[in-house]
Amino acid sequence: MKLKLHILFAIAVILMGLTACQKSTKDQLVGTWHYVKTMTIDGNTGRIEGADTNDEDGTYSSVANAVYTFDTEIEGVSVQIKMGVSFKGTGEWTVNDKEIVTTPTSAGVKVTSMRSYDPSDGSFIGELTGNELKEYSNEFADYLKERLLEASTEQILVLQENKYVAESTDEDGGKTTYTYNRLK
């Protein structure tokens, strides 16, 4: 009888220890996470690479660089535009069960390059520089900031110590999956 009590007690202690060691979803997401995202926006391709830092106090900061590629016409000539953009942002983040909800409080956007290419052979045509690039950057930044300051929700599909996979759904119901790798 004593042996059974000792065994039950030992099992209870082990289970309590295992439960106490488990981190909450939020605690597991605290840290800096690297990501590369490729997406299609209005039929155009965008590739974003960046890092998000989720702090214990529920705030986050984010930095990223992106290249958007799109086809257009300039003065009746078909061109492919490759636009480099850098982003910085801060905000708040929470975890609800298996969802990450981010609410941005600030967003900085700067167009870093704007180059045009011949879509038929990829040859370089020209680029915006100086004041022309600055003017375009300001116009684009104002447009994009509005979109960047909207709250977003991602479903956590996989959560491991050094990696998590999340999925977001756009307003049209399209789903995009992203992989984040821990930097620290």
N, C-alpha and C. Protein backbone atom coordinates (compact mmCIF):
# COMPACT_ATOMS: atom_id res chain seq x y z
N MET A 1 0.81 -1.19 0.00
CA MET A 1 0.00 0.00 0.00
C MET A 1 0.87 1.26 0.00
N LYS A 2 1.92 1.25 0.86
CA LYS A 2 2.83 2.39 0.91
C LYS A 2 3.52 2.59 -0.43
N LEU A 3 3.91 1.51 -1.07
CA LEU A 3 4.58 1.59 -2.36
C LEU A 3 3.66 2.23 -3.40
N LYS A 4 2.37 1.87 -3.39
CA LYS A 4 1.42 2.46 -4.34
C LYS A 4 1.28 3.95 -4.10
N LEU A 5 1.25 4.36 -2.82
CA LEU A 5 1.14 5.79 -2.51
C LEU A 5 2.38 6.55 -2.97
N HIS A 6 3.55 5.95 -2.76
CA HIS A 6 4.79 6.59 -3.21
C HIS A 6 4.82 6.72 -4.73
N ILE A 7 4.38 5.71 -5.43
CA ILE A 7 4.35 5.74 -6.90
C ILE A 7 3.37 6.81 -7.38
N LEU A 8 2.16 6.85 -6.79
CA LEU A 8 1.17 7.86 -7.17
C LEU A 8 1.69 9.27 -6.87
N PHE A 9 2.34 9.42 -5.72
CA PHE A 9 2.91 10.72 -5.36
C PHE A 9 4.00 11.12 -6.35
N ALA A 10 4.86 10.20 -6.72
CA ALA A 10 5.93 10.48 -7.68
C ALA A 10 5.36 10.86 -9.03
N ILE A 11 4.34 10.16 -9.48
CA ILE A 11 3.70 10.49 -10.76
C ILE A 11 3.09 11.88 -10.70
N ALA A 12 2.42 12.19 -9.61
CA ALA A 12 1.80 13.52 -9.46
C ALA A 12 2.85 14.61 -9.49
N VAL A 13 3.98 14.41 -8.81
CA VAL A 13 5.06 15.40 -8.79
C VAL A 13 5.64 15.58 -10.20
N ILE A 14 5.84 14.50 -10.91
CA ILE A 14 6.36 14.58 -12.28
C ILE A 14 5.40 15.34 -13.18
N LEU A 15 4.12 15.02 -13.11
CA LEU A 15 3.13 15.71 -13.95
C LEU A 15 3.06 17.20 -13.61
N MET A 16 3.12 17.54 -12.32
CA MET A 16 3.09 18.96 -11.94
C MET A 16 4.34 19.65 -12.47
N GLY A 17 5.47 18.98 -12.42
CA GLY A 17 6.71 19.55 -12.94
C GLY A 17 6.66 19.78 -14.43
N LEU A 18 6.10 18.82 -15.16
CA LEU A 18 5.98 18.98 -16.61
C LEU A 18 5.04 20.11 -16.96
N THR A 19 3.93 20.22 -16.24
CA THR A 19 2.97 21.28 -16.50
C THR A 19 3.58 22.64 -16.18
N ALA A 20 4.34 22.72 -15.11
CA ALA A 20 4.95 23.99 -14.72
C ALA A 20 6.00 24.44 -15.73
N CYS A 21 6.64 23.51 -16.43
CA CYS A 21 7.68 23.85 -17.40
C CYS A 21 7.12 24.34 -18.73
N GLN A 22 5.87 24.06 -19.01
CA GLN A 22 5.30 24.46 -20.29
C GLN A 22 5.11 25.97 -20.32
N LYS A 23 5.61 26.59 -21.36
CA LYS A 23 5.45 28.03 -21.53
C LYS A 23 4.13 28.30 -22.22
N SER A 24 3.55 29.46 -21.93
CA SER A 24 2.34 29.86 -22.63
C SER A 24 2.70 30.18 -24.07
N THR A 25 1.69 30.23 -24.92
CA THR A 25 1.91 30.58 -26.33
C THR A 25 2.58 31.94 -26.43
N LYS A 26 2.11 32.90 -25.65
CA LYS A 26 2.70 34.25 -25.70
C LYS A 26 4.17 34.20 -25.29
N ASP A 27 4.49 33.49 -24.21
CA ASP A 27 5.89 33.40 -23.77
C ASP A 27 6.78 32.78 -24.84
N GLN A 28 6.24 31.82 -25.57
CA GLN A 28 7.02 31.17 -26.64
C GLN A 28 7.28 32.12 -27.81
N LEU A 29 6.41 33.13 -27.98
CA LEU A 29 6.53 34.05 -29.11
C LEU A 29 7.36 35.30 -28.79
N VAL A 30 7.73 35.47 -27.51
CA VAL A 30 8.58 36.61 -27.15
C VAL A 30 9.96 36.38 -27.77
N GLY A 31 10.49 37.41 -28.42
CA GLY A 31 11.80 37.31 -29.05
C GLY A 31 11.80 37.97 -30.42
N THR A 32 12.87 37.75 -31.16
CA THR A 32 13.01 38.34 -32.50
C THR A 32 12.90 37.23 -33.54
N TRP A 33 12.05 37.47 -34.53
CA TRP A 33 11.71 36.46 -35.55
C TRP A 33 11.99 37.00 -36.94
N HIS A 34 12.70 36.22 -37.74
CA HIS A 34 13.03 36.57 -39.13
C HIS A 34 12.00 35.91 -40.05
N TYR A 35 11.64 36.61 -41.11
CA TYR A 35 10.71 36.05 -42.08
C TYR A 35 11.02 36.53 -43.49
N VAL A 36 10.61 35.73 -44.44
CA VAL A 36 10.62 36.09 -45.86
C VAL A 36 9.22 35.77 -46.36
N LYS A 37 8.55 36.76 -46.93
CA LYS A 37 7.19 36.58 -47.41
C LYS A 37 7.14 36.94 -48.89
N THR A 38 6.54 36.08 -49.67
CA THR A 38 6.27 36.39 -51.07
C THR A 38 4.76 36.43 -51.22
N MET A 39 4.26 37.50 -51.81
CA MET A 39 2.81 37.64 -51.92
C MET A 39 2.44 38.28 -53.24
N THR A 40 1.19 38.13 -53.58
CA THR A 40 0.64 38.76 -54.78
C THR A 40 -0.40 39.78 -54.34
N ILE A 41 -0.23 41.02 -54.78
CA ILE A 41 -1.16 42.10 -54.45
C ILE A 41 -1.64 42.68 -55.77
N ASP A 42 -2.93 42.58 -56.01
CA ASP A 42 -3.52 43.08 -57.26
C ASP A 42 -2.80 42.53 -58.49
N GLY A 43 -2.42 41.26 -58.44
CA GLY A 43 -1.76 40.61 -59.56
C GLY A 43 -0.27 40.88 -59.68
N ASN A 44 0.28 41.65 -58.76
CA ASN A 44 1.70 42.00 -58.79
C ASN A 44 2.43 41.27 -57.66
N THR A 45 3.71 41.00 -57.88
CA THR A 45 4.49 40.22 -56.94
C THR A 45 5.23 41.12 -55.95
N GLY A 46 5.23 40.70 -54.68
CA GLY A 46 6.00 41.39 -53.66
C GLY A 46 6.78 40.39 -52.84
N ARG A 47 8.02 40.72 -52.53
CA ARG A 47 8.85 39.87 -51.66
C ARG A 47 9.34 40.74 -50.52
N ILE A 48 9.03 40.32 -49.29
CA ILE A 48 9.39 41.09 -48.11
C ILE A 48 10.28 40.23 -47.22
N GLU A 49 11.35 40.82 -46.74
CA GLU A 49 12.22 40.14 -45.78
C GLU A 49 12.40 41.08 -44.59
N GLY A 50 12.18 40.55 -43.39
CA GLY A 50 12.28 41.41 -42.23
C GLY A 50 12.41 40.67 -40.93
N ALA A 51 12.29 41.43 -39.85
CA ALA A 51 12.36 40.86 -38.51
C ALA A 51 11.37 41.58 -37.61
N ASP A 52 10.63 40.80 -36.84
CA ASP A 52 9.70 41.32 -35.85
C ASP A 52 10.25 40.98 -34.47
N THR A 53 10.22 41.94 -33.55
CA THR A 53 10.62 41.69 -32.17
C THR A 53 9.40 41.85 -31.29
N ASN A 54 8.99 40.74 -30.67
CA ASN A 54 7.84 40.73 -29.76
C ASN A 54 8.37 40.82 -28.33
N ASP A 55 8.03 41.89 -27.62
CA ASP A 55 8.50 42.08 -26.25
C ASP A 55 7.48 41.52 -25.25
N GLU A 56 7.98 41.19 -24.06
CA GLU A 56 7.14 40.61 -23.00
C GLU A 56 5.99 41.53 -22.62
N ASP A 57 6.20 42.84 -22.72
CA ASP A 57 5.17 43.79 -22.29
C ASP A 57 4.03 43.97 -23.30
N GLY A 58 4.05 43.18 -24.38
CA GLY A 58 2.97 43.25 -25.36
C GLY A 58 3.20 44.26 -26.46
N THR A 59 4.40 44.81 -26.56
CA THR A 59 4.71 45.72 -27.66
C THR A 59 5.61 44.99 -28.65
N TYR A 60 5.65 45.52 -29.87
CA TYR A 60 6.53 44.93 -30.89
C TYR A 60 7.15 46.03 -31.73
N SER A 61 8.25 45.68 -32.39
CA SER A 61 8.84 46.55 -33.40
C SER A 61 9.16 45.67 -34.60
N SER A 62 9.14 46.30 -35.76
CA SER A 62 9.32 45.55 -36.99
C SER A 62 10.14 46.37 -37.98
N VAL A 63 11.07 45.71 -38.67
CA VAL A 63 11.81 46.33 -39.76
C VAL A 63 11.78 45.35 -40.93
N ALA A 64 11.68 45.89 -42.14
CA ALA A 64 11.62 45.02 -43.31
C ALA A 64 12.05 45.78 -44.56
N ASN A 65 12.49 45.02 -45.53
CA ASN A 65 12.78 45.55 -46.87
C ASN A 65 11.98 44.72 -47.86
N ALA A 66 11.47 45.37 -48.87
CA ALA A 66 10.63 44.68 -49.85
C ALA A 66 11.01 45.09 -51.26
N VAL A 67 10.72 44.21 -52.19
CA VAL A 67 10.81 44.53 -53.62
C VAL A 67 9.47 44.15 -54.23
N TYR A 68 8.80 45.13 -54.81
CA TYR A 68 7.54 44.90 -55.52
C TYR A 68 7.82 44.97 -57.02
N THR A 69 7.26 44.04 -57.76
CA THR A 69 7.43 44.00 -59.21
C THR A 69 6.05 44.10 -59.86
N PHE A 70 5.90 45.04 -60.79
CA PHE A 70 4.62 45.17 -61.48
C PHE A 70 4.83 45.70 -62.89
N ASP A 71 3.88 45.38 -63.75
CA ASP A 71 3.91 45.82 -65.14
C ASP A 71 2.97 47.02 -65.30
N THR A 72 3.40 47.99 -66.10
CA THR A 72 2.60 49.17 -66.35
C THR A 72 2.99 49.77 -67.70
N GLU A 73 2.40 50.90 -68.04
CA GLU A 73 2.79 51.63 -69.24
C GLU A 73 3.23 53.02 -68.85
N ILE A 74 4.32 53.47 -69.47
CA ILE A 74 4.79 54.84 -69.28
C ILE A 74 4.87 55.46 -70.66
N GLU A 75 4.06 56.48 -70.87
CA GLU A 75 3.98 57.17 -72.16
C GLU A 75 3.78 56.19 -73.30
N GLY A 76 2.87 55.22 -73.11
CA GLY A 76 2.52 54.26 -74.15
C GLY A 76 3.48 53.10 -74.31
N VAL A 77 4.53 53.03 -73.50
CA VAL A 77 5.51 51.95 -73.59
C VAL A 77 5.33 51.01 -72.41
N SER A 78 5.23 49.70 -72.69
CA SER A 78 5.13 48.71 -71.62
C SER A 78 6.46 48.60 -70.88
N VAL A 79 6.38 48.66 -69.55
CA VAL A 79 7.58 48.52 -68.73
C VAL A 79 7.26 47.66 -67.51
N GLN A 80 8.31 47.07 -66.98
CA GLN A 80 8.20 46.36 -65.72
C GLN A 80 8.93 47.22 -64.68
N ILE A 81 8.26 47.49 -63.57
CA ILE A 81 8.84 48.31 -62.52
C ILE A 81 9.23 47.41 -61.35
N LYS A 82 10.43 47.65 -60.83
CA LYS A 82 10.87 47.01 -59.59
C LYS A 82 11.12 48.13 -58.59
N MET A 83 10.32 48.09 -57.52
CA MET A 83 10.38 49.15 -56.52
C MET A 83 10.87 48.58 -55.20
N GLY A 84 11.94 49.16 -54.66
CA GLY A 84 12.46 48.79 -53.35
C GLY A 84 11.83 49.67 -52.29
N VAL A 85 11.40 49.06 -51.19
CA VAL A 85 10.73 49.80 -50.12
C VAL A 85 11.27 49.31 -48.78
N SER A 86 11.52 50.25 -47.86
CA SER A 86 11.89 49.86 -46.50
C SER A 86 10.77 50.27 -45.55
N PHE A 87 10.57 49.45 -44.52
CA PHE A 87 9.49 49.66 -43.55
C PHE A 87 10.06 49.62 -42.13
N LYS A 88 9.47 50.41 -41.26
CA LYS A 88 9.71 50.33 -39.82
C LYS A 88 8.36 50.54 -39.16
N GLY A 89 8.12 49.77 -38.12
CA GLY A 89 6.85 49.95 -37.44
C GLY A 89 6.91 49.50 -36.00
N THR A 90 5.96 49.98 -35.21
CA THR A 90 5.81 49.57 -33.82
C THR A 90 4.34 49.36 -33.55
N GLY A 91 4.06 48.67 -32.46
CA GLY A 91 2.67 48.47 -32.10
C GLY A 91 2.53 47.56 -30.90
N GLU A 92 1.35 46.99 -30.77
CA GLU A 92 1.04 46.08 -29.68
C GLU A 92 0.65 44.73 -30.25
N TRP A 93 0.92 43.66 -29.49
CA TRP A 93 0.56 42.32 -29.93
C TRP A 93 -0.02 41.55 -28.76
N THR A 94 -0.98 40.70 -29.09
CA THR A 94 -1.60 39.82 -28.11
C THR A 94 -1.78 38.45 -28.74
N VAL A 95 -1.98 37.47 -27.88
CA VAL A 95 -2.24 36.11 -28.34
C VAL A 95 -3.58 35.68 -27.76
N ASN A 96 -4.48 35.26 -28.63
CA ASN A 96 -5.77 34.69 -28.23
C ASN A 96 -5.78 33.25 -28.70
N ASP A 97 -5.62 32.34 -27.76
CA ASP A 97 -5.58 30.91 -28.06
C ASP A 97 -4.49 30.65 -29.09
N LYS A 98 -4.83 30.43 -30.34
CA LYS A 98 -3.84 30.15 -31.40
C LYS A 98 -3.83 31.25 -32.45
N GLU A 99 -4.10 32.48 -32.03
CA GLU A 99 -4.08 33.62 -32.95
C GLU A 99 -3.15 34.70 -32.41
N ILE A 100 -2.40 35.31 -33.31
CA ILE A 100 -1.60 36.48 -32.97
C ILE A 100 -2.33 37.68 -33.55
N VAL A 101 -2.64 38.65 -32.70
CA VAL A 101 -3.30 39.87 -33.15
C VAL A 101 -2.32 41.02 -32.97
N THR A 102 -2.01 41.72 -34.06
CA THR A 102 -1.11 42.87 -33.99
C THR A 102 -1.89 44.14 -34.30
N THR A 103 -1.62 45.16 -33.50
CA THR A 103 -2.26 46.46 -33.67
C THR A 103 -1.16 47.51 -33.80
N PRO A 104 -0.86 47.94 -35.02
CA PRO A 104 0.21 48.92 -35.23
C PRO A 104 -0.14 50.28 -34.63
N THR A 105 0.88 50.96 -34.10
CA THR A 105 0.71 52.31 -33.59
C THR A 105 1.51 53.33 -34.41
N SER A 106 2.54 52.85 -35.12
CA SER A 106 3.30 53.75 -36.01
C SER A 106 3.84 52.93 -37.18
N ALA A 107 4.00 53.61 -38.30
CA ALA A 107 4.54 52.94 -39.50
C ALA A 107 5.35 53.96 -40.30
N GLY A 108 6.55 53.56 -40.65
CA GLY A 108 7.39 54.39 -41.51
C GLY A 108 7.64 53.64 -42.82
N VAL A 109 7.52 54.35 -43.93
CA VAL A 109 7.69 53.73 -45.24
C VAL A 109 8.57 54.65 -46.08
N LYS A 110 9.53 54.04 -46.79
CA LYS A 110 10.37 54.83 -47.70
C LYS A 110 10.66 54.01 -48.95
N VAL A 111 10.41 54.60 -50.10
CA VAL A 111 10.79 53.96 -51.35
C VAL A 111 12.28 54.19 -51.53
N THR A 112 13.04 53.11 -51.63
CA THR A 112 14.50 53.20 -51.72
C THR A 112 15.02 53.12 -53.14
N SER A 113 14.22 52.55 -54.04
CA SER A 113 14.63 52.48 -55.45
C SER A 113 13.40 52.30 -56.33
N MET A 114 13.52 52.77 -57.56
CA MET A 114 12.44 52.63 -58.54
C MET A 114 13.10 52.50 -59.90
N ARG A 115 13.13 51.25 -60.42
CA ARG A 115 13.81 50.98 -61.68
C ARG A 115 12.82 50.39 -62.67
N SER A 116 13.01 50.72 -63.94
CA SER A 116 12.14 50.17 -64.98
C SER A 116 12.96 49.31 -65.94
N TYR A 117 12.29 48.25 -66.40
CA TYR A 117 12.92 47.26 -67.28
C TYR A 117 12.00 46.96 -68.45
N ASP A 118 12.58 46.50 -69.55
CA ASP A 118 11.82 46.04 -70.71
C ASP A 118 11.26 44.67 -70.36
N PRO A 119 9.92 44.50 -70.35
CA PRO A 119 9.35 43.21 -69.96
C PRO A 119 9.65 42.07 -70.95
N SER A 120 10.02 42.42 -72.18
CA SER A 120 10.27 41.37 -73.17
C SER A 120 11.61 40.67 -72.96
N ASP A 121 12.63 41.44 -72.51
CA ASP A 121 13.95 40.81 -72.34
C ASP A 121 14.61 41.13 -71.01
N GLY A 122 13.96 41.94 -70.17
CA GLY A 122 14.51 42.25 -68.84
C GLY A 122 15.62 43.29 -68.84
N SER A 123 15.87 43.92 -69.99
CA SER A 123 16.95 44.91 -70.03
C SER A 123 16.55 46.19 -69.28
N PHE A 124 17.53 46.80 -68.66
CA PHE A 124 17.34 48.01 -67.86
C PHE A 124 16.98 49.19 -68.75
N ILE A 125 15.96 49.96 -68.35
CA ILE A 125 15.55 51.15 -69.11
C ILE A 125 15.97 52.42 -68.38
N GLY A 126 15.64 52.50 -67.09
CA GLY A 126 15.97 53.72 -66.35
C GLY A 126 15.52 53.61 -64.90
N GLU A 127 15.77 54.70 -64.14
CA GLU A 127 15.35 54.70 -62.74
C GLU A 127 15.07 56.11 -62.26
N LEU A 128 14.27 56.21 -61.21
CA LEU A 128 14.03 57.49 -60.56
C LEU A 128 15.13 57.72 -59.54
N THR A 129 15.61 58.96 -59.47
CA THR A 129 16.64 59.31 -58.49
C THR A 129 16.32 60.70 -57.93
N GLY A 130 17.04 61.08 -56.91
CA GLY A 130 16.95 62.44 -56.36
C GLY A 130 15.54 62.83 -55.97
N ASN A 131 15.15 64.05 -56.38
CA ASN A 131 13.85 64.61 -56.00
C ASN A 131 12.68 63.81 -56.56
N GLU A 132 12.85 63.28 -57.79
CA GLU A 132 11.76 62.47 -58.38
C GLU A 132 11.47 61.26 -57.49
N LEU A 133 12.52 60.58 -57.04
CA LEU A 133 12.34 59.42 -56.17
C LEU A 133 11.75 59.83 -54.83
N LYS A 134 12.21 60.95 -54.29
CA LYS A 134 11.70 61.43 -53.01
C LYS A 134 10.21 61.77 -53.09
N GLU A 135 9.79 62.45 -54.16
CA GLU A 135 8.38 62.79 -54.35
C GLU A 135 7.53 61.52 -54.44
N TYR A 136 7.97 60.57 -55.25
CA TYR A 136 7.22 59.33 -55.39
C TYR A 136 7.17 58.59 -54.06
N SER A 137 8.29 58.59 -53.35
CA SER A 137 8.36 57.92 -52.05
C SER A 137 7.33 58.50 -51.09
N ASN A 138 7.23 59.82 -51.04
CA ASN A 138 6.28 60.46 -50.14
C ASN A 138 4.84 60.11 -50.49
N GLU A 139 4.50 60.13 -51.78
CA GLU A 139 3.14 59.78 -52.21
C GLU A 139 2.82 58.33 -51.87
N PHE A 140 3.73 57.43 -52.19
CA PHE A 140 3.51 56.01 -51.93
C PHE A 140 3.44 55.72 -50.44
N ALA A 141 4.30 56.38 -49.67
CA ALA A 141 4.33 56.18 -48.22
C ALA A 141 3.00 56.57 -47.60
N ASP A 142 2.44 57.69 -48.02
CA ASP A 142 1.15 58.12 -47.47
C ASP A 142 0.07 57.09 -47.78
N TYR A 143 0.05 56.58 -49.01
CA TYR A 143 -0.93 55.57 -49.41
C TYR A 143 -0.76 54.30 -48.58
N LEU A 144 0.48 53.84 -48.44
CA LEU A 144 0.74 52.56 -47.79
C LEU A 144 0.57 52.63 -46.27
N LYS A 145 0.88 53.76 -45.66
CA LYS A 145 0.78 53.89 -44.21
C LYS A 145 -0.63 53.57 -43.72
N GLU A 146 -1.63 54.04 -44.45
CA GLU A 146 -3.02 53.77 -44.06
C GLU A 146 -3.27 52.26 -43.96
N ARG A 147 -2.76 51.52 -44.92
CA ARG A 147 -2.95 50.06 -44.93
C ARG A 147 -2.13 49.39 -43.84
N LEU A 148 -0.94 49.93 -43.54
CA LEU A 148 -0.07 49.33 -42.54
C LEU A 148 -0.55 49.58 -41.12
N LEU A 149 -1.40 50.56 -40.92
CA LEU A 149 -1.86 50.88 -39.57
C LEU A 149 -3.17 50.15 -39.22
N GLU A 150 -3.53 49.15 -39.99
CA GLU A 150 -4.71 48.34 -39.68
C GLU A 150 -4.29 47.12 -38.87
N ALA A 151 -5.11 46.75 -37.89
CA ALA A 151 -4.84 45.56 -37.09
C ALA A 151 -4.91 44.32 -37.98
N SER A 152 -4.15 43.29 -37.61
CA SER A 152 -4.18 42.05 -38.39
C SER A 152 -4.15 40.86 -37.43
N THR A 153 -4.64 39.74 -37.95
CA THR A 153 -4.69 38.49 -37.17
C THR A 153 -4.09 37.38 -38.00
N GLU A 154 -3.24 36.58 -37.35
CA GLU A 154 -2.67 35.40 -37.99
C GLU A 154 -2.98 34.19 -37.13
N GLN A 155 -3.39 33.10 -37.78
CA GLN A 155 -3.61 31.82 -37.10
C GLN A 155 -2.27 31.12 -36.95
N ILE A 156 -1.95 30.64 -35.75
CA ILE A 156 -0.71 29.89 -35.54
C ILE A 156 -0.97 28.44 -35.92
N LEU A 157 -0.27 27.96 -36.94
CA LEU A 157 -0.44 26.58 -37.41
C LEU A 157 0.55 25.64 -36.73
N VAL A 158 1.81 26.12 -36.56
CA VAL A 158 2.87 25.33 -35.94
C VAL A 158 3.63 26.26 -35.01
N LEU A 159 3.93 25.79 -33.79
CA LEU A 159 4.71 26.58 -32.85
C LEU A 159 5.76 25.70 -32.22
N GLN A 160 7.02 25.98 -32.57
CA GLN A 160 8.16 25.25 -32.01
C GLN A 160 9.09 26.27 -31.36
N GLU A 161 10.11 25.78 -30.67
CA GLU A 161 11.00 26.67 -29.93
C GLU A 161 11.65 27.71 -30.83
N ASN A 162 12.10 27.33 -32.02
CA ASN A 162 12.84 28.25 -32.88
C ASN A 162 12.13 28.56 -34.20
N LYS A 163 10.87 28.18 -34.30
CA LYS A 163 10.14 28.40 -35.56
C LYS A 163 8.65 28.38 -35.29
N TYR A 164 7.94 29.25 -36.01
CA TYR A 164 6.48 29.12 -36.02
C TYR A 164 5.96 29.43 -37.41
N VAL A 165 4.83 28.83 -37.72
CA VAL A 165 4.18 29.00 -39.01
C VAL A 165 2.80 29.59 -38.73
N ALA A 166 2.47 30.66 -39.43
CA ALA A 166 1.19 31.33 -39.24
C ALA A 166 0.51 31.56 -40.59
N GLU A 167 -0.79 31.70 -40.54
CA GLU A 167 -1.57 31.90 -41.76
C GLU A 167 -2.48 33.10 -41.58
N SER A 168 -2.52 33.94 -42.59
CA SER A 168 -3.44 35.08 -42.57
C SER A 168 -4.44 34.94 -43.70
N THR A 169 -5.56 35.61 -43.53
CA THR A 169 -6.63 35.58 -44.53
C THR A 169 -6.90 37.02 -44.95
N ASP A 170 -6.86 37.28 -46.28
CA ASP A 170 -7.13 38.64 -46.74
C ASP A 170 -8.63 38.89 -46.85
N GLU A 171 -9.00 40.11 -47.20
CA GLU A 171 -10.42 40.47 -47.25
C GLU A 171 -11.21 39.69 -48.29
N ASP A 172 -10.52 39.09 -49.28
CA ASP A 172 -11.20 38.28 -50.29
C ASP A 172 -11.25 36.80 -49.92
N GLY A 173 -10.74 36.46 -48.72
CA GLY A 173 -10.75 35.07 -48.28
C GLY A 173 -9.51 34.29 -48.68
N GLY A 174 -8.57 34.92 -49.37
CA GLY A 174 -7.33 34.25 -49.75
C GLY A 174 -6.43 34.03 -48.55
N LYS A 175 -5.84 32.86 -48.45
CA LYS A 175 -4.99 32.53 -47.31
C LYS A 175 -3.51 32.53 -47.74
N THR A 176 -2.66 33.09 -46.86
CA THR A 176 -1.23 33.11 -47.09
C THR A 176 -0.54 32.57 -45.85
N THR A 177 0.42 31.67 -46.05
CA THR A 177 1.16 31.06 -44.94
C THR A 177 2.56 31.64 -44.88
N TYR A 178 3.01 31.95 -43.66
CA TYR A 178 4.32 32.54 -43.43
C TYR A 178 5.08 31.70 -42.42
N THR A 179 6.40 31.61 -42.60
CA THR A 179 7.27 30.90 -41.66
C THR A 179 8.20 31.91 -41.00
N TYR A 180 8.25 31.88 -39.68
CA TYR A 180 9.10 32.75 -38.89
C TYR A 180 10.16 31.91 -38.19
N ASN A 181 11.42 32.34 -38.25
CA ASN A 181 12.52 31.64 -37.59
C ASN A 181 13.12 32.54 -36.52
N ARG A 182 13.34 31.97 -35.32
CA ARG A 182 13.84 32.75 -34.21
C ARG A 182 15.28 33.21 -34.46
N LEU A 183 15.51 34.51 -34.23
CA LEU A 183 16.87 35.06 -34.28
C LEU A 183 17.44 35.13 -32.86
N LYS A 184 16.60 35.52 -31.91
CA LYS A 184 17.00 35.53 -30.50
C LYS A 184 15.80 35.53 -29.60
